[in-house]
């Protein structure tokens, strides 16, 4: 399965030599962590994630035929975490006063 995924990715990217796939097996699921050149991350994900969804669909069909479970994550070479996972830097943290207002019917309304 790794060979099929690598074939697909190398034909999509502009720097195919930078495509690396790491496989981690956890509890019956194979996690494929794809690392690509930062310039190719957008090509792999595609507009609104359509390309990576198509790749995952192809791989899911093959996995079902083989009776295995898979997960695919995309990481750029400069990142240490998968694309699409949001992080908040401490400098970006915004704090605002929060007030809880209890209504007559027992529900709570939160005002920020």
PDB file of N, CA and C in Angstrom:
ATOM      1  N   UNK A   1       0.821  -1.188   0.000  1.00  0.00           N
ATOM      2  CA  UNK A   1       0.000   0.000   0.000  1.00  0.00           C
ATOM      3  C   UNK A   1       0.867   1.253   0.000  1.00  0.00           C
ATOM      4  N   UNK A   2       2.000   1.176   0.658  1.00  0.00           N
ATOM      5  CA  UNK A   2       2.887   2.326   0.688  1.00  0.00           C
ATOM      6  C   UNK A   2       3.390   2.645  -0.713  1.00  0.00           C
ATOM      7  N   UNK A   3       3.630   1.625  -1.528  1.00  0.00           N
ATOM      8  CA  UNK A   3       4.103   1.846  -2.896  1.00  0.00           C
ATOM      9  C   UNK A   3       3.052   2.566  -3.741  1.00  0.00           C
ATOM     10  N   UNK A   4       1.795   2.208  -3.558  1.00  0.00           N
ATOM     11  CA  UNK A   4       0.714   2.856  -4.309  1.00  0.00           C
ATOM     12  C   UNK A   4       0.600   4.320  -3.907  1.00  0.00           C
ATOM     13  N   UNK A   5       0.631   4.590  -2.607  1.00  0.00           N
ATOM     14  CA  UNK A   5       0.550   5.955  -2.118  1.00  0.00           C
ATOM     15  C   UNK A   5       1.739   6.774  -2.607  1.00  0.00           C
ATOM     16  N   UNK A   6       2.911   6.190  -2.579  1.00  0.00           N
ATOM     17  CA  UNK A   6       4.101   6.894  -3.038  1.00  0.00           C
ATOM     18  C   UNK A   6       4.010   7.192  -4.539  1.00  0.00           C
ATOM     19  N   UNK A   7       3.498   6.266  -5.335  1.00  0.00           N
ATOM     20  CA  UNK A   7       3.330   6.480  -6.770  1.00  0.00           C
ATOM     21  C   UNK A   7       2.398   7.654  -7.035  1.00  0.00           C
ATOM     22  N   UNK A   8       1.281   7.701  -6.317  1.00  0.00           N
ATOM     23  CA  UNK A   8       0.307   8.786  -6.499  1.00  0.00           C
ATOM     24  C   UNK A   8       0.942  10.125  -6.132  1.00  0.00           C
ATOM     25  N   UNK A   9       1.594  10.182  -4.982  1.00  0.00           N
ATOM     26  CA  UNK A   9       2.150  11.440  -4.501  1.00  0.00           C
ATOM     27  C   UNK A   9       3.298  11.947  -5.375  1.00  0.00           C
ATOM     28  N   UNK A  10       4.151  11.059  -5.826  1.00  0.00           N
ATOM     29  CA  UNK A  10       5.279  11.481  -6.669  1.00  0.00           C
ATOM     30  C   UNK A  10       4.806  12.041  -8.005  1.00  0.00           C
ATOM     31  N   UNK A  11       3.642  11.604  -8.477  1.00  0.00           N
ATOM     32  CA  UNK A  11       3.121  12.121  -9.740  1.00  0.00           C
ATOM     33  C   UNK A  11       2.342  13.422  -9.571  1.00  0.00           C
ATOM     34  N   UNK A  12       2.021  13.791  -8.337  1.00  0.00           N
ATOM     35  CA  UNK A  12       1.317  15.044  -8.074  1.00  0.00           C
ATOM     36  C   UNK A  12       2.297  16.170  -7.753  1.00  0.00           C
ATOM     37  N   UNK A  13       3.361  15.856  -7.034  1.00  0.00           N
ATOM     38  CA  UNK A  13       4.262  16.882  -6.523  1.00  0.00           C
ATOM     39  C   UNK A  13       5.231  17.394  -7.582  1.00  0.00           C
ATOM     40  N   UNK A  14       5.750  18.611  -7.329  1.00  0.00           N
ATOM     41  CA  UNK A  14       6.752  19.190  -8.234  1.00  0.00           C
ATOM     42  C   UNK A  14       8.164  18.768  -7.834  1.00  0.00           C
ATOM     43  N   UNK A  15       8.342  18.360  -6.587  1.00  0.00           N
ATOM     44  CA  UNK A  15       9.634  17.868  -6.098  1.00  0.00           C
ATOM     45  C   UNK A  15       9.423  16.441  -5.583  1.00  0.00           C
ATOM     46  N   UNK A  16       9.334  15.463  -6.497  1.00  0.00           N
ATOM     47  CA  UNK A  16       9.006  14.090  -6.073  1.00  0.00           C
ATOM     48  C   UNK A  16      10.059  13.436  -5.184  1.00  0.00           C
ATOM     49  N   UNK A  17      11.302  13.929  -5.234  1.00  0.00           N
ATOM     50  CA  UNK A  17      12.345  13.339  -4.390  1.00  0.00           C
ATOM     51  C   UNK A  17      12.142  13.655  -2.910  1.00  0.00           C
ATOM     52  N   UNK A  18      11.347  14.689  -2.603  1.00  0.00           N
ATOM     53  CA  UNK A  18      11.105  15.067  -1.207  1.00  0.00           C
ATOM     54  C   UNK A  18       9.935  14.325  -0.575  1.00  0.00           C
ATOM     55  N   UNK A  19       9.279  13.451  -1.320  1.00  0.00           N
ATOM     56  CA  UNK A  19       8.149  12.695  -0.771  1.00  0.00           C
ATOM     57  C   UNK A  19       8.684  11.555   0.088  1.00  0.00           C
ATOM     58  N   UNK A  20       8.278  11.575   1.363  1.00  0.00           N
ATOM     59  CA  UNK A  20       8.677  10.518   2.295  1.00  0.00           C
ATOM     60  C   UNK A  20       7.423  10.030   2.999  1.00  0.00           C
ATOM     61  N   UNK A  21       7.322   8.736   3.165  1.00  0.00           N
ATOM     62  CA  UNK A  21       6.170   8.145   3.832  1.00  0.00           C
ATOM     63  C   UNK A  21       6.659   7.295   4.996  1.00  0.00           C
ATOM     64  N   UNK A  22       6.188   7.642   6.177  1.00  0.00           N
ATOM     65  CA  UNK A  22       6.521   6.883   7.381  1.00  0.00           C
ATOM     66  C   UNK A  22       5.275   6.106   7.797  1.00  0.00           C
ATOM     67  N   UNK A  23       5.436   4.836   8.094  1.00  0.00           N
ATOM     68  CA  UNK A  23       4.309   3.998   8.483  1.00  0.00           C
ATOM     69  C   UNK A  23       4.428   3.659   9.962  1.00  0.00           C
ATOM     70  N   UNK A  24       3.342   3.949  10.699  1.00  0.00           N
ATOM     71  CA  UNK A  24       3.282   3.601  12.115  1.00  0.00           C
ATOM     72  C   UNK A  24       2.071   2.707  12.317  1.00  0.00           C
ATOM     73  N   UNK A  25       2.292   1.526  12.867  1.00  0.00           N
ATOM     74  CA  UNK A  25       1.194   0.598  13.130  1.00  0.00           C
ATOM     75  C   UNK A  25       0.758   0.731  14.578  1.00  0.00           C
ATOM     76  N   UNK A  26      -0.534   1.043  14.767  1.00  0.00           N
ATOM     77  CA  UNK A  26      -1.093   1.204  16.102  1.00  0.00           C
ATOM     78  C   UNK A  26      -2.448   0.519  16.182  1.00  0.00           C
ATOM     79  N   UNK A  27      -2.575  -0.471  17.025  1.00  0.00           N
ATOM     80  CA  UNK A  27      -3.843  -1.131  17.310  1.00  0.00           C
ATOM     81  C   UNK A  27      -4.640  -1.500  16.062  1.00  0.00           C
ATOM     82  N   UNK A  28      -4.003  -2.132  15.116  1.00  0.00           N
ATOM     83  CA  UNK A  28      -4.705  -2.586  13.926  1.00  0.00           C
ATOM     84  C   UNK A  28      -4.896  -1.540  12.849  1.00  0.00           C
ATOM     85  N   UNK A  29      -4.394  -0.329  13.052  1.00  0.00           N
ATOM     86  CA  UNK A  29      -4.503   0.745  12.063  1.00  0.00           C
ATOM     87  C   UNK A  29      -3.105   1.159  11.625  1.00  0.00           C
ATOM     88  N   UNK A  30      -2.906   1.256  10.314  1.00  0.00           N
ATOM     89  CA  UNK A  30      -1.637   1.735   9.785  1.00  0.00           C
ATOM     90  C   UNK A  30      -1.751   3.230   9.539  1.00  0.00           C
ATOM     91  N   UNK A  31      -0.896   3.998  10.202  1.00  0.00           N
ATOM     92  CA  UNK A  31      -0.860   5.443  10.017  1.00  0.00           C
ATOM     93  C   UNK A  31       0.235   5.785   9.024  1.00  0.00           C
ATOM     94  N   UNK A  32      -0.142   6.358   7.889  1.00  0.00           N
ATOM     95  CA  UNK A  32       0.809   6.786   6.882  1.00  0.00           C
ATOM     96  C   UNK A  32       1.025   8.282   7.060  1.00  0.00           C
ATOM     97  N   UNK A  33       2.232   8.654   7.483  1.00  0.00           N
ATOM     98  CA  UNK A  33       2.563  10.059   7.669  1.00  0.00           C
ATOM     99  C   UNK A  33       3.391  10.491   6.466  1.00  0.00           C
ATOM    100  N   UNK A  34       2.781  11.352   5.651  1.00  0.00           N
ATOM    101  CA  UNK A  34       3.376  11.796   4.395  1.00  0.00           C
ATOM    102  C   UNK A  34       4.088  13.119   4.626  1.00  0.00           C
ATOM    103  N   UNK A  35       5.369  13.172   4.291  1.00  0.00           N
ATOM    104  CA  UNK A  35       6.145  14.401   4.378  1.00  0.00           C
ATOM    105  C   UNK A  35       6.497  14.828   2.962  1.00  0.00           C
ATOM    106  N   UNK A  36       6.172  16.079   2.633  1.00  0.00           N
ATOM    107  CA  UNK A  36       6.459  16.614   1.304  1.00  0.00           C
ATOM    108  C   UNK A  36       7.157  17.958   1.435  1.00  0.00           C
ATOM    109  N   UNK A  37       7.685  18.438   0.323  1.00  0.00           N
ATOM    110  CA  UNK A  37       8.287  19.762   0.262  1.00  0.00           C
ATOM    111  C   UNK A  37       7.220  20.797   0.603  1.00  0.00           C
ATOM    112  N   UNK A  38       7.576  21.842   1.352  1.00  0.00           N
ATOM    113  CA  UNK A  38       6.575  22.855   1.712  1.00  0.00           C
ATOM    114  C   UNK A  38       5.859  23.472   0.505  1.00  0.00           C
ATOM    115  N   UNK A  39       6.524  23.534  -0.626  1.00  0.00           N
ATOM    116  CA  UNK A  39       5.899  24.082  -1.829  1.00  0.00           C
ATOM    117  C   UNK A  39       4.826  23.159  -2.382  1.00  0.00           C
ATOM    118  N   UNK A  40       4.851  21.891  -2.015  1.00  0.00           N
ATOM    119  CA  UNK A  40       3.899  20.914  -2.544  1.00  0.00           C
ATOM    120  C   UNK A  40       2.738  20.604  -1.609  1.00  0.00           C
ATOM    121  N   UNK A  41       2.737  21.159  -0.412  1.00  0.00           N
ATOM    122  CA  UNK A  41       1.665  20.862   0.540  1.00  0.00           C
ATOM    123  C   UNK A  41       0.314  21.266  -0.042  1.00  0.00           C
ATOM    124  N   UNK A  42       0.252  22.443  -0.659  1.00  0.00           N
ATOM    125  CA  UNK A  42      -0.998  22.906  -1.263  1.00  0.00           C
ATOM    126  C   UNK A  42      -1.453  22.018  -2.399  1.00  0.00           C
ATOM    127  N   UNK A  43      -0.514  21.485  -3.160  1.00  0.00           N
ATOM    128  CA  UNK A  43      -0.871  20.582  -4.265  1.00  0.00           C
ATOM    129  C   UNK A  43      -1.438  19.270  -3.734  1.00  0.00           C
ATOM    130  N   UNK A  44      -0.905  18.789  -2.624  1.00  0.00           N
ATOM    131  CA  UNK A  44      -1.378  17.535  -2.039  1.00  0.00           C
ATOM    132  C   UNK A  44      -2.758  17.715  -1.421  1.00  0.00           C
ATOM    133  N   UNK A  45      -2.966  18.837  -0.742  1.00  0.00           N
ATOM    134  CA  UNK A  45      -4.255  19.076  -0.093  1.00  0.00           C
ATOM    135  C   UNK A  45      -5.309  19.469  -1.120  1.00  0.00           C
ATOM    136  N   UNK A  46      -4.970  20.364  -2.036  1.00  0.00           N
ATOM    137  CA  UNK A  46      -5.917  20.788  -3.064  1.00  0.00           C
ATOM    138  C   UNK A  46      -6.915  21.803  -2.545  1.00  0.00           C
ATOM    139  N   UNK A  47      -7.670  22.356  -3.451  1.00  0.00           N
ATOM    140  CA  UNK A  47      -8.669  23.356  -3.093  1.00  0.00           C
ATOM    141  C   UNK A  47      -9.759  22.692  -2.261  1.00  0.00           C
ATOM    142  N   UNK A  48      -9.985  23.251  -1.076  1.00  0.00           N
ATOM    143  CA  UNK A  48     -10.965  22.727  -0.117  1.00  0.00           C
ATOM    144  C   UNK A  48     -10.681  21.271   0.271  1.00  0.00           C
ATOM    145  N   UNK A  49      -9.438  20.830   0.134  1.00  0.00           N
ATOM    146  CA  UNK A  49      -9.062  19.477   0.541  1.00  0.00           C
ATOM    147  C   UNK A  49      -9.507  18.385  -0.419  1.00  0.00           C
ATOM    148  N   UNK A  50      -9.869  18.759  -1.637  1.00  0.00           N
ATOM    149  CA  UNK A  50     -10.409  17.759  -2.565  1.00  0.00           C
ATOM    150  C   UNK A  50      -9.376  16.728  -3.000  1.00  0.00           C
ATOM    151  N   UNK A  51      -8.113  17.128  -3.179  1.00  0.00           N
ATOM    152  CA  UNK A  51      -7.092  16.185  -3.642  1.00  0.00           C
ATOM    153  C   UNK A  51      -6.777  15.151  -2.557  1.00  0.00           C
ATOM    154  N   UNK A  52      -6.553  15.614  -1.323  1.00  0.00           N
ATOM    155  CA  UNK A  52      -6.241  14.658  -0.255  1.00  0.00           C
ATOM    156  C   UNK A  52      -7.438  13.761   0.033  1.00  0.00           C
ATOM    157  N   UNK A  53      -8.649  14.274  -0.114  1.00  0.00           N
ATOM    158  CA  UNK A  53      -9.836  13.430   0.065  1.00  0.00           C
ATOM    159  C   UNK A  53      -9.880  12.344  -1.005  1.00  0.00           C
ATOM    160  N   UNK A  54      -9.527  12.698  -2.239  1.00  0.00           N
ATOM    161  CA  UNK A  54      -9.516  11.711  -3.317  1.00  0.00           C
ATOM    162  C   UNK A  54      -8.448  10.651  -3.074  1.00  0.00           C
ATOM    163  N   UNK A  55      -7.281  11.086  -2.621  1.00  0.00           N
ATOM    164  CA  UNK A  55      -6.204  10.145  -2.308  1.00  0.00           C
ATOM    165  C   UNK A  55      -6.643   9.203  -1.189  1.00  0.00           C
ATOM    166  N   UNK A  56      -7.260   9.759  -0.159  1.00  0.00           N
ATOM    167  CA  UNK A  56      -7.732   8.926   0.958  1.00  0.00           C
ATOM    168  C   UNK A  56      -8.808   7.953   0.512  1.00  0.00           C
ATOM    169  N   UNK A  57      -9.668   8.376  -0.408  1.00  0.00           N
ATOM    170  CA  UNK A  57     -10.714   7.490  -0.922  1.00  0.00           C
ATOM    171  C   UNK A  57     -10.100   6.320  -1.679  1.00  0.00           C
ATOM    172  N   UNK A  58      -9.124   6.608  -2.531  1.00  0.00           N
ATOM    173  CA  UNK A  58      -8.441   5.546  -3.286  1.00  0.00           C
ATOM    174  C   UNK A  58      -7.789   4.557  -2.325  1.00  0.00           C
ATOM    175  N   UNK A  59      -7.089   5.093  -1.342  1.00  0.00           N
ATOM    176  CA  UNK A  59      -6.395   4.224  -0.394  1.00  0.00           C
ATOM    177  C   UNK A  59      -7.378   3.455   0.481  1.00  0.00           C
ATOM    178  N   UNK A  60      -8.512   4.064   0.799  1.00  0.00           N
ATOM    179  CA  UNK A  60      -9.532   3.383   1.615  1.00  0.00           C
ATOM    180  C   UNK A  60     -10.103   2.185   0.854  1.00  0.00           C
ATOM    181  N   UNK A  61     -10.340   2.349  -0.445  1.00  0.00           N
ATOM    182  CA  UNK A  61     -10.864   1.241  -1.250  1.00  0.00           C
ATOM    183  C   UNK A  61      -9.882   0.074  -1.255  1.00  0.00           C
ATOM    184  N   UNK A  62      -8.611   0.386  -1.430  1.00  0.00           N
ATOM    185  CA  UNK A  62      -7.588  -0.664  -1.428  1.00  0.00           C
ATOM    186  C   UNK A  62      -7.499  -1.322  -0.050  1.00  0.00           C
ATOM    187  N   UNK A  63      -7.591  -0.500   1.005  1.00  0.00           N
ATOM    188  CA  UNK A  63      -7.528  -1.040   2.365  1.00  0.00           C
ATOM    189  C   UNK A  63      -8.702  -1.961   2.650  1.00  0.00           C
ATOM    190  N   UNK A  64      -9.893  -1.600   2.189  1.00  0.00           N
ATOM    191  CA  UNK A  64     -11.073  -2.447   2.393  1.00  0.00           C
ATOM    192  C   UNK A  64     -10.895  -3.775   1.667  1.00  0.00           C
ATOM    193  N   UNK A  65     -10.353  -3.726   0.460  1.00  0.00           N
ATOM    194  CA  UNK A  65     -10.124  -4.961  -0.289  1.00  0.00           C
ATOM    195  C   UNK A  65      -9.137  -5.876   0.434  1.00  0.00           C
ATOM    196  N   UNK A  66      -8.180  -5.278   1.118  1.00  0.00           N
ATOM    197  CA  UNK A  66      -7.170  -6.062   1.825  1.00  0.00           C
ATOM    198  C   UNK A  66      -7.544  -6.339   3.275  1.00  0.00           C
ATOM    199  N   UNK A  67      -8.630  -5.746   3.750  1.00  0.00           N
ATOM    200  CA  UNK A  67      -9.089  -5.989   5.116  1.00  0.00           C
ATOM    201  C   UNK A  67      -8.260  -5.309   6.185  1.00  0.00           C
ATOM    202  N   UNK A  68      -7.735  -4.128   5.886  1.00  0.00           N
ATOM    203  CA  UNK A  68      -6.936  -3.388   6.864  1.00  0.00           C
ATOM    204  C   UNK A  68      -7.538  -2.002   7.080  1.00  0.00           C
ATOM    205  N   UNK A  69      -7.087  -1.329   8.137  1.00  0.00           N
ATOM    206  CA  UNK A  69      -7.515   0.039   8.423  1.00  0.00           C
ATOM    207  C   UNK A  69      -6.318   0.964   8.244  1.00  0.00           C
ATOM    208  N   UNK A  70      -6.549   2.128   7.618  1.00  0.00           N
ATOM    209  CA  UNK A  70      -5.459   3.064   7.398  1.00  0.00           C
ATOM    210  C   UNK A  70      -5.879   4.481   7.782  1.00  0.00           C
ATOM    211  N   UNK A  71      -4.880   5.320   7.994  1.00  0.00           N
ATOM    212  CA  UNK A  71      -5.072   6.754   8.235  1.00  0.00           C
ATOM    213  C   UNK A  71      -3.915   7.461   7.531  1.00  0.00           C
ATOM    214  N   UNK A  72      -4.196   8.567   6.838  1.00  0.00           N
ATOM    215  CA  UNK A  72      -3.169   9.304   6.108  1.00  0.00           C
ATOM    216  C   UNK A  72      -3.106  10.730   6.636  1.00  0.00           C
ATOM    217  N   UNK A  73      -1.894  11.176   7.004  1.00  0.00           N
ATOM    218  CA  UNK A  73      -1.657  12.543   7.462  1.00  0.00           C
ATOM    219  C   UNK A  73      -0.581  13.168   6.583  1.00  0.00           C
ATOM    220  N   UNK A  74      -0.722  14.471   6.292  1.00  0.00           N
ATOM    221  CA  UNK A  74       0.241  15.181   5.450  1.00  0.00           C
ATOM    222  C   UNK A  74       1.006  16.166   6.320  1.00  0.00           C
ATOM    223  N   UNK A  75       2.349  16.140   6.200  1.00  0.00           N
ATOM    224  CA  UNK A  75       3.218  17.029   6.961  1.00  0.00           C
ATOM    225  C   UNK A  75       4.212  17.641   5.980  1.00  0.00           C
ATOM    226  N   UNK A  76       4.473  18.955   6.099  1.00  0.00           N
ATOM    227  CA  UNK A  76       5.512  19.551   5.267  1.00  0.00           C
ATOM    228  C   UNK A  76       6.857  19.328   5.939  1.00  0.00           C
ATOM    229  N   UNK A  77       7.946  19.484   5.209  1.00  0.00           N
ATOM    230  CA  UNK A  77       9.270  19.213   5.767  1.00  0.00           C
ATOM    231  C   UNK A  77       9.597  20.147   6.931  1.00  0.00           C
ATOM    232  N   UNK A  78       9.106  21.371   6.901  1.00  0.00           N
ATOM    233  CA  UNK A  78       9.433  22.345   7.942  1.00  0.00           C
ATOM    234  C   UNK A  78       8.527  22.237   9.149  1.00  0.00           C
ATOM    235  N   UNK A  79       7.430  21.510   9.052  1.00  0.00           N
ATOM    236  CA  UNK A  79       6.496  21.393  10.155  1.00  0.00           C
ATOM    237  C   UNK A  79       6.780  20.154  10.972  1.00  0.00           C
ATOM    238  N   UNK A  80       6.360  20.196  12.223  1.00  0.00           N
ATOM    239  CA  UNK A  80       6.505  19.020  13.078  1.00  0.00           C
ATOM    240  C   UNK A  80       5.149  18.407  13.377  1.00  0.00           C
ATOM    241  N   UNK A  81       4.097  18.997  12.804  1.00  0.00           N
ATOM    242  CA  UNK A  81       2.761  18.476  13.072  1.00  0.00           C
ATOM    243  C   UNK A  81       1.975  18.394  11.770  1.00  0.00           C
ATOM    244  N   UNK A  82       0.983  17.518  11.708  1.00  0.00           N
ATOM    245  CA  UNK A  82       0.200  17.355  10.495  1.00  0.00           C
ATOM    246  C   UNK A  82      -0.538  18.629  10.097  1.00  0.00           C
ATOM    247  N   UNK A  83      -0.671  18.814   8.796  1.00  0.00           N
ATOM    248  CA  UNK A  83      -1.386  19.962   8.265  1.00  0.00           C
ATOM    249  C   UNK A  83      -2.853  19.839   8.620  1.00  0.00           C
ATOM    250  N   UNK A  84      -3.464  20.945   8.982  1.00  0.00           N
ATOM    251  CA  UNK A  84      -4.869  20.942   9.323  1.00  0.00           C
ATOM    252  C   UNK A  84      -5.117  20.919  10.820  1.00  0.00           C
ATOM    253  N   UNK A  85      -4.054  20.731  11.594  1.00  0.00           N
ATOM    254  CA  UNK A  85      -4.192  20.755  13.039  1.00  0.00           C
ATOM    255  C   UNK A  85      -3.850  22.165  13.504  1.00  0.00           C
ATOM    256  N   UNK A  86      -4.779  22.827  14.169  1.00  0.00           N
ATOM    257  CA  UNK A  86      -4.591  24.203  14.587  1.00  0.00           C
ATOM    258  C   UNK A  86      -3.838  24.272  15.902  1.00  0.00           C
ATOM    259  N   UNK A  87      -2.933  25.235  15.978  1.00  0.00           N
ATOM    260  CA  UNK A  87      -2.256  25.505  17.231  1.00  0.00           C
ATOM    261  C   UNK A  87      -2.404  26.978  17.540  1.00  0.00           C
ATOM    262  N   UNK A  88      -2.356  27.295  18.798  1.00  0.00           N
ATOM    263  CA  UNK A  88      -2.426  28.693  19.224  1.00  0.00           C
ATOM    264  C   UNK A  88      -1.148  29.001  19.958  1.00  0.00           C
ATOM    265  N   UNK A  89      -0.405  29.963  19.443  1.00  0.00           N
ATOM    266  CA  UNK A  89       0.812  30.392  20.104  1.00  0.00           C
ATOM    267  C   UNK A  89       0.423  31.229  21.327  1.00  0.00           C
ATOM    268  N   UNK A  90       1.254  31.247  22.349  1.00  0.00           N
ATOM    269  CA  UNK A  90       0.925  32.032  23.533  1.00  0.00           C
ATOM    270  C   UNK A  90       0.682  33.510  23.222  1.00  0.00           C
ATOM    271  N   UNK A  91       1.386  34.068  22.238  1.00  0.00           N
ATOM    272  CA  UNK A  91       1.199  35.475  21.896  1.00  0.00           C
ATOM    273  C   UNK A  91      -0.141  35.726  21.214  1.00  0.00           C
ATOM    274  N   UNK A  92      -0.776  34.667  20.688  1.00  0.00           N
ATOM    275  CA  UNK A  92      -2.048  34.808  19.997  1.00  0.00           C
ATOM    276  C   UNK A  92      -3.242  34.613  20.925  1.00  0.00           C
ATOM    277  N   UNK A  93      -2.999  34.272  22.179  1.00  0.00           N
ATOM    278  CA  UNK A  93      -4.083  33.998  23.099  1.00  0.00           C
ATOM    279  C   UNK A  93      -4.810  35.289  23.447  1.00  0.00           C
ATOM    280  N   UNK A  94      -6.102  35.263  23.317  1.00  0.00           N
ATOM    281  CA  UNK A  94      -6.929  36.427  23.624  1.00  0.00           C
ATOM    282  C   UNK A  94      -7.796  36.069  24.813  1.00  0.00           C
ATOM    283  N   UNK A  95      -7.745  36.897  25.839  1.00  0.00           N
ATOM    284  CA  UNK A  95      -8.601  36.635  26.983  1.00  0.00           C
ATOM    285  C   UNK A  95      -9.653  37.724  27.066  1.00  0.00           C
ATOM    286  N   UNK A  96     -10.838  37.335  27.388  1.00  0.00           N
ATOM    287  CA  UNK A  96     -11.944  38.272  27.517  1.00  0.00           C
ATOM    288  C   UNK A  96     -12.753  37.865  28.738  1.00  0.00           C
ATOM    289  N   UNK A  97     -13.363  38.833  29.382  1.00  0.00           N
ATOM    290  CA  UNK A  97     -14.199  38.478  30.530  1.00  0.00           C
ATOM    291  C   UNK A  97     -15.401  37.657  30.084  1.00  0.00           C
ATOM    292  N   UNK A  98     -15.719  36.644  30.844  1.00  0.00           N
ATOM    293  CA  UNK A  98     -16.844  35.770  30.519  1.00  0.00           C
ATOM    294  C   UNK A  98     -17.857  35.858  31.657  1.00  0.00           C
ATOM    295  N   UNK A  99     -19.096  36.065  31.278  1.00  0.00           N
ATOM    296  CA  UNK A  99     -20.155  36.140  32.274  1.00  0.00           C
ATOM    297  C   UNK A  99     -21.185  35.057  31.998  1.00  0.00           C
ATOM    298  N   UNK A 100     -21.525  34.293  33.015  1.00  0.00           N
ATOM    299  CA  UNK A 100     -22.590  33.297  32.912  1.00  0.00           C
ATOM    300  C   UNK A 100     -23.867  33.911  33.459  1.00  0.00           C
ATOM    301  N   UNK A 101     -24.907  33.858  32.668  1.00  0.00           N
ATOM    302  CA  UNK A 101     -26.195  34.393  33.091  1.00  0.00           C
ATOM    303  C   UNK A 101     -27.173  33.236  33.148  1.00  0.00           C
ATOM    304  N   UNK A 102     -27.735  32.986  34.318  1.00  0.00           N
ATOM    305  CA  UNK A 102     -28.705  31.909  34.477  1.00  0.00           C
ATOM    306  C   UNK A 102     -30.099  32.453  34.202  1.00  0.00           C
ATOM    307  N   UNK A 103     -30.812  31.800  33.300  1.00  0.00           N
ATOM    308  CA  UNK A 103     -32.160  32.212  32.929  1.00  0.00           C
ATOM    309  C   UNK A 103     -33.176  31.620  33.910  1.00  0.00           C
ATOM    310  N   UNK A 104     -34.414  32.105  33.824  1.00  0.00           N
ATOM    311  CA  UNK A 104     -35.479  31.610  34.701  1.00  0.00           C
ATOM    312  C   UNK A 104     -35.783  30.136  34.482  1.00  0.00           C
ATOM    313  N   UNK A 105     -35.583  29.653  33.221  1.00  0.00           N
ATOM    314  CA  UNK A 105     -35.895  28.260  32.932  1.00  0.00           C
ATOM    315  C   UNK A 105     -34.750  27.310  33.299  1.00  0.00           C
ATOM    316  N   UNK A 106     -33.672  27.832  33.886  1.00  0.00           N
ATOM    317  CA  UNK A 106     -32.574  26.990  34.318  1.00  0.00           C
ATOM    318  C   UNK A 106     -31.440  26.890  33.322  1.00  0.00           C
ATOM    319  N   UNK A 107     -31.608  27.430  32.096  1.00  0.00           N
ATOM    320  CA  UNK A 107     -30.547  27.385  31.101  1.00  0.00           C
ATOM    321  C   UNK A 107     -29.512  28.454  31.409  1.00  0.00           C
ATOM    322  N   UNK A 108     -28.316  28.267  30.913  1.00  0.00           N
ATOM    323  CA  UNK A 108     -27.214  29.200  31.157  1.00  0.00           C
ATOM    324  C   UNK A 108     -26.804  29.830  29.834  1.00  0.00           C
ATOM    325  N   UNK A 109     -26.710  31.141  29.812  1.00  0.00           N
ATOM    326  CA  UNK A 109     -26.252  31.873  28.645  1.00  0.00           C
ATOM    327  C   UNK A 109     -24.865  32.410  28.958  1.00  0.00           C
ATOM    328  N   UNK A 110     -23.919  32.180  28.060  1.00  0.00           N
ATOM    329  CA  UNK A 110     -22.546  32.651  28.259  1.00  0.00           C
ATOM    330  C   UNK A 110     -22.350  33.870  27.387  1.00  0.00           C
ATOM    331  N   UNK A 111     -21.943  34.987  28.007  1.00  0.00           N
ATOM    332  CA  UNK A 111     -21.671  36.211  27.273  1.00  0.00           C
ATOM    333  C   UNK A 111     -20.184  36.494  27.361  1.00  0.00           C
ATOM    334  N   UNK A 112     -19.600  36.760  26.222  1.00  0.00           N
ATOM    335  CA  UNK A 112     -18.160  37.049  26.167  1.00  0.00           C
ATOM    336  C   UNK A 112     -17.975  38.505  25.823  1.00  0.00           C
TER     337      UNK A 112
END
